[in-house]
Amino acid sequence: MPVDVLRRLVPAELAIDTFDGQGWVTLIPFAVRASRPVGVPRAMAMSFLEVNLRTYVRAPDGEPGIYFFSLEASSWLAVAGARVSYGLPYFPAAMHCEQRAGGTTVYRSRRYGREHAALETTWTVGAPLDLAAPGTLEHFLIERYVLFVARRRRLYRARVSHHPYPLFRATVDELRESLCEAAGLTAMPFPPPVVHHSPGVDVDIYWRHRL
């Protein structure tokens, strides 16, 4: 993604992080399993579907992280909780995920009240890859441990902790989306996407702190 397209949508305090001179945007459909605040019994954990649209930034002190344009979730409670506690741009959406034989996943999402904020995609998982090595595009895109949030004209940082993502090759068989346009990203002929699949990791998300 051209840096100037991203610059007008990201808080001025955050620098656009680039790889080989280009900005990047990642669209991630996934499932959250057994999410719960610290101290809440596992029996009360929530599971739901989520789609993240994000770009890559650096804080004023140079720390790399991510900045979210939007986060769709199938749980109204998760949307409300994340908006109130972190100020993240969550939206409730009607979502469906189906696992098919042969390693194929069908995933659908449509934001409530916004016909043109949707995702329809099918992908097939291929062979395993090595863990993303520092200095590679895969590491730049996937191994991020900080998120930044703009809230009431203030900027906050929250850290996350997890093991490196196990990765697999993947092929996108179908992709129709309008989340980029809904986020204000200029419609343009994007190059073929770089695609990865992961079975996931356990993630700890810590409280936000003002920069």
N, C-alpha and C. Protein backbone atom coordinates (compact mmCIF):
# COMPACT_ATOMS: atom_id res chain seq x y z
N MET A 1 0.85 -1.18 0.00
CA MET A 1 0.00 0.00 0.00
C MET A 1 0.89 1.24 0.00
N PRO A 2 0.65 2.19 -0.89
CA PRO A 2 1.45 3.42 -0.88
C PRO A 2 1.39 4.11 0.48
N VAL A 3 2.51 4.63 0.93
CA VAL A 3 2.59 5.24 2.26
C VAL A 3 1.65 6.43 2.36
N ASP A 4 1.50 7.21 1.29
CA ASP A 4 0.66 8.40 1.38
C ASP A 4 -0.81 8.05 1.57
N VAL A 5 -1.24 6.88 1.10
CA VAL A 5 -2.61 6.43 1.32
C VAL A 5 -2.83 6.14 2.80
N LEU A 6 -1.84 5.52 3.44
CA LEU A 6 -1.95 5.19 4.86
C LEU A 6 -1.77 6.41 5.75
N ARG A 7 -0.94 7.35 5.32
CA ARG A 7 -0.57 8.47 6.19
C ARG A 7 -1.78 9.28 6.65
N ARG A 8 -2.75 9.48 5.79
CA ARG A 8 -3.89 10.32 6.17
C ARG A 8 -4.87 9.60 7.09
N LEU A 9 -4.69 8.29 7.31
CA LEU A 9 -5.61 7.52 8.14
C LEU A 9 -5.00 7.10 9.47
N VAL A 10 -3.73 7.42 9.67
CA VAL A 10 -3.01 7.00 10.87
C VAL A 10 -2.65 8.24 11.68
N PRO A 11 -2.78 8.21 13.01
CA PRO A 11 -2.41 9.38 13.83
C PRO A 11 -1.02 9.89 13.50
N ALA A 12 -0.87 11.20 13.49
CA ALA A 12 0.38 11.83 13.08
C ALA A 12 1.55 11.42 13.96
N GLU A 13 1.27 11.07 15.24
CA GLU A 13 2.35 10.68 16.15
C GLU A 13 3.01 9.36 15.77
N LEU A 14 2.31 8.56 14.98
CA LEU A 14 2.82 7.25 14.57
C LEU A 14 3.41 7.32 13.17
N ALA A 15 4.63 6.82 13.03
CA ALA A 15 5.25 6.74 11.71
C ALA A 15 4.75 5.49 11.00
N ILE A 16 4.59 5.56 9.70
CA ILE A 16 4.22 4.38 8.92
C ILE A 16 5.45 3.49 8.80
N ASP A 17 5.33 2.25 9.26
CA ASP A 17 6.44 1.30 9.15
C ASP A 17 6.39 0.66 7.77
N THR A 18 7.54 0.55 7.13
CA THR A 18 7.58 0.03 5.76
C THR A 18 8.53 -1.15 5.65
N PHE A 19 8.32 -1.93 4.61
CA PHE A 19 9.24 -3.01 4.25
C PHE A 19 9.57 -2.81 2.78
N ASP A 20 10.86 -2.67 2.46
CA ASP A 20 11.30 -2.37 1.10
C ASP A 20 10.61 -1.13 0.55
N GLY A 21 10.38 -0.15 1.45
CA GLY A 21 9.84 1.13 1.01
C GLY A 21 8.34 1.17 0.82
N GLN A 22 7.65 0.07 1.09
CA GLN A 22 6.21 0.02 0.90
C GLN A 22 5.49 -0.15 2.22
N GLY A 23 4.34 0.55 2.35
CA GLY A 23 3.45 0.28 3.47
C GLY A 23 2.67 -1.01 3.21
N TRP A 24 2.13 -1.57 4.26
CA TRP A 24 1.41 -2.83 4.14
C TRP A 24 0.12 -2.77 4.94
N VAL A 25 -0.89 -3.46 4.43
CA VAL A 25 -2.16 -3.64 5.12
C VAL A 25 -2.46 -5.13 5.17
N THR A 26 -2.89 -5.61 6.34
CA THR A 26 -3.19 -7.03 6.50
C THR A 26 -4.65 -7.21 6.90
N LEU A 27 -5.30 -8.15 6.24
CA LEU A 27 -6.68 -8.53 6.53
C LEU A 27 -6.65 -9.94 7.10
N ILE A 28 -7.10 -10.09 8.35
CA ILE A 28 -6.93 -11.36 9.06
C ILE A 28 -8.28 -11.89 9.54
N PRO A 29 -8.85 -12.89 8.88
CA PRO A 29 -10.02 -13.57 9.42
C PRO A 29 -9.58 -14.72 10.32
N PHE A 30 -10.18 -14.82 11.51
CA PHE A 30 -9.74 -15.86 12.43
C PHE A 30 -10.83 -16.16 13.45
N ALA A 31 -10.55 -17.08 14.34
CA ALA A 31 -11.46 -17.44 15.42
C ALA A 31 -10.77 -17.23 16.75
N VAL A 32 -11.48 -16.64 17.69
CA VAL A 32 -11.01 -16.49 19.07
C VAL A 32 -11.61 -17.62 19.89
N ARG A 33 -10.78 -18.35 20.59
CA ARG A 33 -11.24 -19.48 21.40
C ARG A 33 -10.96 -19.19 22.88
N ALA A 34 -11.99 -19.25 23.68
CA ALA A 34 -11.86 -19.17 25.15
C ALA A 34 -11.18 -17.89 25.60
N SER A 35 -11.71 -16.75 25.17
CA SER A 35 -11.20 -15.45 25.59
C SER A 35 -11.80 -15.06 26.93
N ARG A 36 -10.96 -14.58 27.84
CA ARG A 36 -11.47 -14.19 29.16
C ARG A 36 -10.50 -13.24 29.84
N PRO A 37 -11.02 -12.31 30.64
CA PRO A 37 -10.15 -11.45 31.44
C PRO A 37 -9.45 -12.26 32.53
N VAL A 38 -8.35 -11.73 33.02
CA VAL A 38 -7.63 -12.37 34.12
C VAL A 38 -8.57 -12.51 35.32
N GLY A 39 -8.57 -13.68 35.91
CA GLY A 39 -9.38 -13.92 37.09
C GLY A 39 -10.76 -14.48 36.81
N VAL A 40 -11.19 -14.45 35.54
CA VAL A 40 -12.50 -15.00 35.19
C VAL A 40 -12.35 -16.50 34.95
N PRO A 41 -13.22 -17.34 35.50
CA PRO A 41 -13.11 -18.79 35.32
C PRO A 41 -13.19 -19.17 33.84
N ARG A 42 -12.47 -20.23 33.47
CA ARG A 42 -12.47 -20.69 32.09
C ARG A 42 -13.88 -21.03 31.61
N ALA A 43 -14.73 -21.49 32.52
CA ALA A 43 -16.10 -21.85 32.14
C ALA A 43 -16.88 -20.65 31.62
N MET A 44 -16.43 -19.43 31.93
CA MET A 44 -17.12 -18.22 31.49
C MET A 44 -16.43 -17.56 30.29
N ALA A 45 -15.46 -18.24 29.68
CA ALA A 45 -14.75 -17.69 28.54
C ALA A 45 -15.66 -17.62 27.31
N MET A 46 -15.35 -16.69 26.41
CA MET A 46 -16.12 -16.51 25.18
C MET A 46 -15.32 -16.99 23.97
N SER A 47 -16.04 -17.53 23.00
CA SER A 47 -15.46 -17.87 21.71
C SER A 47 -16.27 -17.16 20.63
N PHE A 48 -15.57 -16.59 19.65
CA PHE A 48 -16.26 -15.85 18.60
C PHE A 48 -15.34 -15.70 17.39
N LEU A 49 -15.91 -15.23 16.29
CA LEU A 49 -15.14 -14.96 15.07
C LEU A 49 -14.75 -13.50 15.04
N GLU A 50 -13.65 -13.23 14.35
CA GLU A 50 -13.15 -11.86 14.28
C GLU A 50 -12.39 -11.65 12.98
N VAL A 51 -12.47 -10.44 12.45
CA VAL A 51 -11.69 -10.03 11.28
C VAL A 51 -11.00 -8.72 11.62
N ASN A 52 -9.68 -8.67 11.45
CA ASN A 52 -8.90 -7.46 11.71
C ASN A 52 -8.39 -6.88 10.41
N LEU A 53 -8.46 -5.56 10.29
CA LEU A 53 -7.83 -4.84 9.20
C LEU A 53 -6.83 -3.88 9.83
N ARG A 54 -5.55 -4.04 9.50
CA ARG A 54 -4.51 -3.31 10.25
C ARG A 54 -3.38 -2.89 9.32
N THR A 55 -2.58 -1.95 9.83
CA THR A 55 -1.36 -1.56 9.15
C THR A 55 -0.23 -1.54 10.17
N TYR A 56 0.97 -1.18 9.71
CA TYR A 56 2.18 -1.32 10.51
C TYR A 56 2.79 0.05 10.77
N VAL A 57 3.11 0.31 12.04
CA VAL A 57 3.54 1.65 12.45
C VAL A 57 4.69 1.56 13.44
N ARG A 58 5.25 2.73 13.75
CA ARG A 58 6.26 2.85 14.79
C ARG A 58 5.89 4.02 15.71
N ALA A 59 6.12 3.80 17.00
CA ALA A 59 5.86 4.83 18.00
C ALA A 59 6.93 5.92 17.90
N PRO A 60 6.72 7.06 18.56
CA PRO A 60 7.74 8.11 18.56
C PRO A 60 9.10 7.63 19.05
N ASP A 61 9.13 6.60 19.92
CA ASP A 61 10.41 6.06 20.39
C ASP A 61 10.96 4.99 19.47
N GLY A 62 10.28 4.74 18.33
CA GLY A 62 10.77 3.79 17.34
C GLY A 62 10.25 2.38 17.50
N GLU A 63 9.48 2.10 18.55
CA GLU A 63 9.00 0.72 18.75
C GLU A 63 7.99 0.34 17.68
N PRO A 64 8.19 -0.83 17.01
CA PRO A 64 7.25 -1.24 15.97
C PRO A 64 5.97 -1.82 16.57
N GLY A 65 4.87 -1.64 15.88
CA GLY A 65 3.60 -2.18 16.34
C GLY A 65 2.58 -2.15 15.22
N ILE A 66 1.31 -2.29 15.60
CA ILE A 66 0.23 -2.29 14.63
C ILE A 66 -0.81 -1.24 15.01
N TYR A 67 -1.52 -0.79 13.98
CA TYR A 67 -2.62 0.15 14.16
C TYR A 67 -3.82 -0.40 13.41
N PHE A 68 -4.95 -0.53 14.11
CA PHE A 68 -6.13 -1.14 13.52
C PHE A 68 -7.02 -0.09 12.86
N PHE A 69 -7.44 -0.38 11.63
CA PHE A 69 -8.47 0.41 10.98
C PHE A 69 -9.86 -0.06 11.40
N SER A 70 -10.03 -1.36 11.56
CA SER A 70 -11.32 -1.90 11.99
C SER A 70 -11.13 -3.31 12.51
N LEU A 71 -12.06 -3.71 13.38
CA LEU A 71 -12.10 -5.08 13.90
C LEU A 71 -13.56 -5.51 13.93
N GLU A 72 -13.91 -6.52 13.16
CA GLU A 72 -15.27 -7.07 13.16
C GLU A 72 -15.30 -8.24 14.14
N ALA A 73 -16.40 -8.41 14.85
CA ALA A 73 -16.54 -9.54 15.76
C ALA A 73 -17.99 -10.01 15.78
N SER A 74 -18.16 -11.32 15.94
CA SER A 74 -19.50 -11.90 15.97
C SER A 74 -20.13 -11.81 17.35
N SER A 75 -19.39 -11.37 18.35
CA SER A 75 -19.89 -11.24 19.71
C SER A 75 -20.14 -9.78 20.05
N TRP A 76 -21.41 -9.44 20.35
CA TRP A 76 -21.72 -8.07 20.76
C TRP A 76 -21.03 -7.72 22.07
N LEU A 77 -20.90 -8.70 22.96
CA LEU A 77 -20.24 -8.44 24.24
C LEU A 77 -18.77 -8.12 24.04
N ALA A 78 -18.10 -8.86 23.15
CA ALA A 78 -16.69 -8.59 22.87
C ALA A 78 -16.52 -7.20 22.25
N VAL A 79 -17.42 -6.83 21.35
CA VAL A 79 -17.36 -5.51 20.72
C VAL A 79 -17.48 -4.42 21.77
N ALA A 80 -18.50 -4.53 22.63
CA ALA A 80 -18.73 -3.52 23.65
C ALA A 80 -17.56 -3.44 24.62
N GLY A 81 -17.07 -4.60 25.06
CA GLY A 81 -15.96 -4.62 26.02
C GLY A 81 -14.70 -4.00 25.46
N ALA A 82 -14.36 -4.32 24.21
CA ALA A 82 -13.13 -3.79 23.61
C ALA A 82 -13.24 -2.30 23.32
N ARG A 83 -14.43 -1.84 22.94
CA ARG A 83 -14.62 -0.41 22.68
C ARG A 83 -14.49 0.40 23.98
N VAL A 84 -15.12 -0.10 25.04
CA VAL A 84 -15.11 0.63 26.30
C VAL A 84 -13.73 0.60 26.95
N SER A 85 -13.11 -0.59 27.01
CA SER A 85 -11.87 -0.73 27.77
C SER A 85 -10.64 -0.26 27.01
N TYR A 86 -10.59 -0.51 25.69
CA TYR A 86 -9.39 -0.18 24.93
C TYR A 86 -9.59 0.95 23.92
N GLY A 87 -10.85 1.24 23.57
CA GLY A 87 -11.09 2.25 22.56
C GLY A 87 -10.81 1.76 21.15
N LEU A 88 -10.75 0.44 20.96
CA LEU A 88 -10.48 -0.10 19.63
C LEU A 88 -11.71 -0.01 18.74
N PRO A 89 -11.52 0.18 17.42
CA PRO A 89 -12.65 0.36 16.50
C PRO A 89 -13.32 -0.96 16.12
N TYR A 90 -13.96 -1.59 17.12
CA TYR A 90 -14.68 -2.85 16.91
C TYR A 90 -16.08 -2.57 16.35
N PHE A 91 -16.56 -3.50 15.51
CA PHE A 91 -17.91 -3.43 14.96
C PHE A 91 -18.57 -4.80 15.04
N PRO A 92 -19.85 -4.86 15.40
CA PRO A 92 -20.55 -6.16 15.38
C PRO A 92 -20.85 -6.57 13.95
N ALA A 93 -20.74 -7.86 13.69
CA ALA A 93 -20.94 -8.36 12.33
C ALA A 93 -21.57 -9.75 12.37
N ALA A 94 -22.32 -10.05 11.31
CA ALA A 94 -22.82 -11.40 11.10
C ALA A 94 -21.72 -12.20 10.42
N MET A 95 -21.27 -13.28 11.05
CA MET A 95 -20.09 -13.98 10.59
C MET A 95 -20.33 -15.49 10.57
N HIS A 96 -19.63 -16.15 9.66
CA HIS A 96 -19.75 -17.60 9.52
C HIS A 96 -18.42 -18.17 9.06
N CYS A 97 -18.00 -19.26 9.66
CA CYS A 97 -16.76 -19.94 9.27
C CYS A 97 -17.04 -21.43 9.16
N GLU A 98 -16.62 -22.02 8.05
CA GLU A 98 -16.86 -23.44 7.80
C GLU A 98 -15.56 -24.12 7.36
N GLN A 99 -15.21 -25.18 8.04
CA GLN A 99 -14.05 -25.97 7.67
C GLN A 99 -14.50 -27.11 6.75
N ARG A 100 -13.89 -27.22 5.59
CA ARG A 100 -14.24 -28.26 4.62
C ARG A 100 -13.09 -29.25 4.46
N ALA A 101 -13.41 -30.36 3.87
CA ALA A 101 -12.39 -31.39 3.64
C ALA A 101 -11.29 -30.85 2.74
N GLY A 102 -10.08 -31.37 2.92
CA GLY A 102 -8.96 -30.96 2.10
C GLY A 102 -8.28 -29.70 2.55
N GLY A 103 -8.57 -29.25 3.79
CA GLY A 103 -7.88 -28.08 4.32
C GLY A 103 -8.43 -26.76 3.84
N THR A 104 -9.68 -26.74 3.38
CA THR A 104 -10.28 -25.51 2.86
C THR A 104 -11.18 -24.87 3.92
N THR A 105 -11.10 -23.56 4.04
CA THR A 105 -11.92 -22.80 4.97
C THR A 105 -12.74 -21.78 4.20
N VAL A 106 -14.03 -21.72 4.51
CA VAL A 106 -14.94 -20.72 3.95
C VAL A 106 -15.29 -19.75 5.07
N TYR A 107 -15.12 -18.47 4.81
CA TYR A 107 -15.29 -17.45 5.85
C TYR A 107 -16.10 -16.29 5.29
N ARG A 108 -17.13 -15.88 6.03
CA ARG A 108 -18.00 -14.78 5.62
C ARG A 108 -18.19 -13.81 6.77
N SER A 109 -18.21 -12.52 6.46
CA SER A 109 -18.46 -11.49 7.48
C SER A 109 -19.16 -10.31 6.82
N ARG A 110 -20.19 -9.77 7.50
CA ARG A 110 -20.88 -8.57 7.02
C ARG A 110 -21.25 -7.71 8.23
N ARG A 111 -20.72 -6.51 8.27
CA ARG A 111 -20.96 -5.61 9.39
C ARG A 111 -22.43 -5.21 9.46
N TYR A 112 -22.99 -5.25 10.64
CA TYR A 112 -24.37 -4.84 10.81
C TYR A 112 -24.53 -3.37 10.48
N GLY A 113 -25.53 -3.07 9.65
CA GLY A 113 -25.81 -1.69 9.28
C GLY A 113 -24.93 -1.14 8.18
N ARG A 114 -23.98 -1.94 7.68
CA ARG A 114 -23.09 -1.48 6.61
C ARG A 114 -22.97 -2.58 5.56
N GLU A 115 -23.76 -2.46 4.52
CA GLU A 115 -23.74 -3.48 3.46
C GLU A 115 -22.37 -3.56 2.81
N HIS A 116 -21.68 -2.41 2.72
CA HIS A 116 -20.39 -2.37 2.03
C HIS A 116 -19.24 -2.38 3.03
N ALA A 117 -19.32 -3.27 4.00
CA ALA A 117 -18.21 -3.53 4.92
C ALA A 117 -18.23 -5.03 5.18
N ALA A 118 -17.79 -5.77 4.18
CA ALA A 118 -17.98 -7.22 4.20
C ALA A 118 -16.74 -7.94 3.69
N LEU A 119 -16.71 -9.23 3.99
CA LEU A 119 -15.63 -10.11 3.53
C LEU A 119 -16.23 -11.46 3.17
N GLU A 120 -15.87 -11.95 2.00
CA GLU A 120 -16.21 -13.30 1.58
C GLU A 120 -14.94 -13.92 1.02
N THR A 121 -14.45 -14.96 1.67
CA THR A 121 -13.19 -15.55 1.23
C THR A 121 -13.15 -17.04 1.49
N THR A 122 -12.41 -17.72 0.66
CA THR A 122 -12.15 -19.15 0.82
C THR A 122 -10.67 -19.37 0.62
N TRP A 123 -10.04 -20.13 1.52
CA TRP A 123 -8.62 -20.40 1.36
C TRP A 123 -8.33 -21.88 1.65
N THR A 124 -7.24 -22.34 1.10
CA THR A 124 -6.81 -23.72 1.28
C THR A 124 -5.41 -23.73 1.88
N VAL A 125 -5.25 -24.50 2.93
CA VAL A 125 -3.97 -24.57 3.65
C VAL A 125 -3.05 -25.57 2.95
N GLY A 126 -1.78 -25.17 2.84
CA GLY A 126 -0.79 -26.01 2.19
C GLY A 126 0.26 -26.53 3.16
N ALA A 127 1.49 -26.58 2.69
CA ALA A 127 2.59 -27.17 3.45
C ALA A 127 3.05 -26.25 4.58
N PRO A 128 3.62 -26.82 5.65
CA PRO A 128 4.12 -25.99 6.75
C PRO A 128 5.36 -25.21 6.33
N LEU A 129 5.55 -24.07 6.99
CA LEU A 129 6.71 -23.22 6.79
C LEU A 129 7.50 -23.14 8.08
N ASP A 130 8.75 -22.69 7.98
CA ASP A 130 9.53 -22.41 9.17
C ASP A 130 8.95 -21.20 9.90
N LEU A 131 9.30 -21.04 11.16
CA LEU A 131 8.92 -19.84 11.88
C LEU A 131 9.51 -18.62 11.18
N ALA A 132 8.79 -17.51 11.23
CA ALA A 132 9.25 -16.29 10.57
C ALA A 132 10.57 -15.82 11.16
N ALA A 133 11.56 -15.62 10.32
CA ALA A 133 12.89 -15.21 10.77
C ALA A 133 13.00 -13.69 10.75
N PRO A 134 13.66 -13.10 11.76
CA PRO A 134 13.86 -11.64 11.77
C PRO A 134 14.48 -11.16 10.47
N GLY A 135 13.98 -10.04 9.98
CA GLY A 135 14.49 -9.47 8.74
C GLY A 135 13.71 -9.86 7.51
N THR A 136 12.80 -10.85 7.63
CA THR A 136 12.00 -11.29 6.49
C THR A 136 10.67 -10.55 6.47
N LEU A 137 10.01 -10.58 5.31
CA LEU A 137 8.68 -9.98 5.21
C LEU A 137 7.70 -10.68 6.15
N GLU A 138 7.82 -12.01 6.27
CA GLU A 138 6.92 -12.74 7.15
C GLU A 138 7.03 -12.25 8.59
N HIS A 139 8.24 -12.03 9.05
CA HIS A 139 8.44 -11.55 10.42
C HIS A 139 7.88 -10.14 10.57
N PHE A 140 8.10 -9.29 9.58
CA PHE A 140 7.58 -7.93 9.60
C PHE A 140 6.06 -7.93 9.72
N LEU A 141 5.40 -8.80 8.98
CA LEU A 141 3.94 -8.82 8.94
C LEU A 141 3.31 -9.50 10.14
N ILE A 142 3.94 -10.53 10.67
CA ILE A 142 3.26 -11.44 11.60
C ILE A 142 3.69 -11.28 13.04
N GLU A 143 4.97 -11.08 13.29
CA GLU A 143 5.46 -11.07 14.67
C GLU A 143 5.48 -9.64 15.22
N ARG A 144 4.31 -9.19 15.64
CA ARG A 144 4.15 -7.86 16.22
C ARG A 144 3.61 -8.01 17.64
N TYR A 145 4.17 -7.26 18.58
CA TYR A 145 3.85 -7.47 19.99
C TYR A 145 3.36 -6.20 20.69
N VAL A 146 2.97 -5.21 19.89
CA VAL A 146 2.45 -3.96 20.44
C VAL A 146 1.32 -3.47 19.53
N LEU A 147 0.25 -2.95 20.14
CA LEU A 147 -0.79 -2.29 19.37
C LEU A 147 -0.97 -0.87 19.90
N PHE A 148 -1.32 0.02 18.98
CA PHE A 148 -1.52 1.43 19.32
C PHE A 148 -2.97 1.81 19.08
N VAL A 149 -3.50 2.64 19.96
CA VAL A 149 -4.90 3.06 19.90
C VAL A 149 -4.98 4.57 20.05
N ALA A 150 -5.73 5.21 19.16
CA ALA A 150 -6.03 6.63 19.29
C ALA A 150 -7.40 6.76 19.94
N ARG A 151 -7.46 7.47 21.06
CA ARG A 151 -8.71 7.60 21.80
C ARG A 151 -8.81 9.00 22.40
N ARG A 152 -9.87 9.72 22.01
CA ARG A 152 -10.09 11.08 22.52
C ARG A 152 -8.85 11.95 22.35
N ARG A 153 -8.29 11.89 21.17
CA ARG A 153 -7.11 12.69 20.79
C ARG A 153 -5.88 12.36 21.64
N ARG A 154 -5.88 11.20 22.24
CA ARG A 154 -4.71 10.71 22.95
C ARG A 154 -4.29 9.38 22.34
N LEU A 155 -3.01 9.06 22.50
CA LEU A 155 -2.47 7.84 21.93
C LEU A 155 -2.07 6.88 23.04
N TYR A 156 -2.45 5.63 22.89
CA TYR A 156 -2.16 4.61 23.90
C TYR A 156 -1.42 3.43 23.26
N ARG A 157 -0.69 2.72 24.11
CA ARG A 157 0.06 1.53 23.69
C ARG A 157 -0.34 0.38 24.59
N ALA A 158 -0.58 -0.78 23.98
CA ALA A 158 -0.85 -2.01 24.74
C ALA A 158 0.04 -3.12 24.18
N ARG A 159 0.61 -3.89 25.07
CA ARG A 159 1.51 -4.96 24.65
C ARG A 159 0.79 -6.29 24.65
N VAL A 160 1.27 -7.18 23.80
CA VAL A 160 0.76 -8.55 23.75
C VAL A 160 1.94 -9.51 23.89
N SER A 161 1.62 -10.72 24.32
CA SER A 161 2.66 -11.73 24.51
C SER A 161 2.16 -13.07 23.96
N HIS A 162 3.00 -13.72 23.17
CA HIS A 162 2.64 -15.04 22.64
C HIS A 162 3.88 -15.69 22.05
N HIS A 163 3.82 -17.00 21.86
CA HIS A 163 4.87 -17.70 21.14
C HIS A 163 4.83 -17.30 19.67
N PRO A 164 5.94 -17.48 18.93
CA PRO A 164 5.90 -17.20 17.48
C PRO A 164 4.82 -18.04 16.80
N TYR A 165 4.17 -17.44 15.81
CA TYR A 165 3.10 -18.14 15.11
C TYR A 165 3.64 -19.28 14.26
N PRO A 166 3.13 -20.50 14.42
CA PRO A 166 3.42 -21.55 13.45
C PRO A 166 2.74 -21.20 12.14
N LEU A 167 3.45 -21.34 11.03
CA LEU A 167 2.94 -20.87 9.74
C LEU A 167 2.80 -21.99 8.72
N PHE A 168 1.84 -21.81 7.82
CA PHE A 168 1.63 -22.71 6.70
C PHE A 168 1.43 -21.87 5.44
N ARG A 169 1.81 -22.45 4.31
CA ARG A 169 1.44 -21.83 3.05
C ARG A 169 -0.09 -21.88 2.91
N ALA A 170 -0.62 -20.95 2.14
CA ALA A 170 -2.06 -20.95 1.89
C ALA A 170 -2.33 -20.34 0.53
N THR A 171 -3.43 -20.76 -0.07
CA THR A 171 -3.86 -20.24 -1.35
C THR A 171 -5.26 -19.68 -1.21
N VAL A 172 -5.45 -18.44 -1.61
CA VAL A 172 -6.77 -17.83 -1.59
C VAL A 172 -7.51 -18.26 -2.85
N ASP A 173 -8.61 -18.99 -2.66
CA ASP A 173 -9.40 -19.46 -3.79
C ASP A 173 -10.48 -18.46 -4.18
N GLU A 174 -10.92 -17.66 -3.23
CA GLU A 174 -11.95 -16.65 -3.47
C GLU A 174 -11.72 -15.50 -2.50
N LEU A 175 -11.88 -14.26 -2.99
CA LEU A 175 -11.74 -13.10 -2.11
C LEU A 175 -12.57 -11.95 -2.67
N ARG A 176 -13.57 -11.57 -1.90
CA ARG A 176 -14.35 -10.35 -2.17
C ARG A 176 -14.45 -9.60 -0.85
N GLU A 177 -14.00 -8.36 -0.85
CA GLU A 177 -14.04 -7.61 0.41
C GLU A 177 -14.28 -6.13 0.13
N SER A 178 -14.95 -5.49 1.08
CA SER A 178 -15.17 -4.04 1.01
C SER A 178 -14.76 -3.37 2.31
N LEU A 179 -14.01 -4.08 3.16
CA LEU A 179 -13.56 -3.51 4.42
C LEU A 179 -12.50 -2.43 4.20
N CYS A 180 -11.64 -2.62 3.21
CA CYS A 180 -10.62 -1.60 2.92
C CYS A 180 -11.29 -0.29 2.53
N GLU A 181 -12.26 -0.37 1.65
CA GLU A 181 -12.96 0.84 1.22
C GLU A 181 -13.71 1.48 2.38
N ALA A 182 -14.34 0.65 3.23
CA ALA A 182 -15.07 1.17 4.38
C ALA A 182 -14.15 1.89 5.34
N ALA A 183 -12.89 1.48 5.39
CA ALA A 183 -11.92 2.10 6.29
C ALA A 183 -11.32 3.39 5.71
N GLY A 184 -11.64 3.68 4.46
CA GLY A 184 -11.12 4.89 3.84
C GLY A 184 -9.88 4.67 3.00
N LEU A 185 -9.50 3.40 2.80
CA LEU A 185 -8.36 3.10 1.95
C LEU A 185 -8.79 3.25 0.50
N THR A 186 -8.08 4.05 -0.25
CA THR A 186 -8.45 4.38 -1.61
C THR A 186 -8.56 3.14 -2.47
N ALA A 187 -9.66 3.04 -3.20
CA ALA A 187 -9.81 1.91 -4.12
C ALA A 187 -8.72 1.98 -5.17
N MET A 188 -8.01 0.88 -5.36
CA MET A 188 -6.90 0.86 -6.30
C MET A 188 -6.62 -0.59 -6.68
N PRO A 189 -5.93 -0.81 -7.77
CA PRO A 189 -5.59 -2.20 -8.15
C PRO A 189 -4.47 -2.74 -7.28
N PHE A 190 -4.83 -3.51 -6.25
CA PHE A 190 -3.83 -4.06 -5.35
C PHE A 190 -3.05 -5.18 -6.04
N PRO A 191 -1.78 -5.36 -5.70
CA PRO A 191 -1.03 -6.51 -6.21
C PRO A 191 -1.56 -7.79 -5.59
N PRO A 192 -1.18 -8.95 -6.13
CA PRO A 192 -1.63 -10.21 -5.53
C PRO A 192 -1.24 -10.27 -4.06
N PRO A 193 -2.13 -10.74 -3.19
CA PRO A 193 -1.84 -10.74 -1.75
C PRO A 193 -0.77 -11.76 -1.36
N VAL A 194 -0.04 -11.42 -0.32
CA VAL A 194 0.85 -12.37 0.34
C VAL A 194 0.00 -13.11 1.37
N VAL A 195 -0.01 -14.43 1.35
CA VAL A 195 -0.97 -15.20 2.15
C VAL A 195 -0.25 -16.17 3.08
N HIS A 196 -0.70 -16.19 4.34
CA HIS A 196 -0.22 -17.16 5.31
C HIS A 196 -1.40 -17.70 6.10
N HIS A 197 -1.22 -18.89 6.64
CA HIS A 197 -2.21 -19.48 7.55
C HIS A 197 -1.48 -19.92 8.82
N SER A 198 -2.17 -19.78 9.95
CA SER A 198 -1.64 -20.30 11.20
C SER A 198 -2.75 -20.98 11.99
N PRO A 199 -2.45 -22.11 12.62
CA PRO A 199 -3.44 -22.72 13.51
C PRO A 199 -3.63 -21.94 14.80
N GLY A 200 -2.76 -20.94 15.04
CA GLY A 200 -2.98 -20.05 16.17
C GLY A 200 -2.05 -20.29 17.33
N VAL A 201 -2.09 -19.37 18.28
CA VAL A 201 -1.30 -19.43 19.51
C VAL A 201 -2.15 -18.87 20.65
N ASP A 202 -1.73 -19.13 21.88
CA ASP A 202 -2.33 -18.47 23.04
C ASP A 202 -1.74 -17.07 23.15
N VAL A 203 -2.60 -16.09 23.41
CA VAL A 203 -2.18 -14.70 23.43
C VAL A 203 -2.62 -14.04 24.74
N ASP A 204 -1.70 -13.31 25.36
CA ASP A 204 -2.02 -12.46 26.50
C ASP A 204 -1.98 -11.01 26.02
N ILE A 205 -3.05 -10.25 26.32
CA ILE A 205 -3.12 -8.84 25.97
C ILE A 205 -3.13 -8.04 27.27
N TYR A 206 -2.21 -7.09 27.38
CA TYR A 206 -2.06 -6.32 28.61
C TYR A 206 -2.78 -4.98 28.50
N TRP A 207 -2.92 -4.31 29.63
CA TRP A 207 -3.65 -3.07 29.70
C TRP A 207 -2.93 -1.98 28.91
N ARG A 208 -3.71 -1.04 28.41
CA ARG A 208 -3.15 0.07 27.63
C ARG A 208 -2.56 1.14 28.56
N HIS A 209 -1.56 1.84 28.04
CA HIS A 209 -0.94 2.97 28.76
C HIS A 209 -0.76 4.12 27.79
N ARG A 210 -0.97 5.32 28.29
CA ARG A 210 -0.87 6.50 27.44
C ARG A 210 0.58 6.74 27.06
N LEU A 211 0.80 7.07 25.80
CA LEU A 211 2.13 7.44 25.34
C LEU A 211 2.42 8.88 25.77
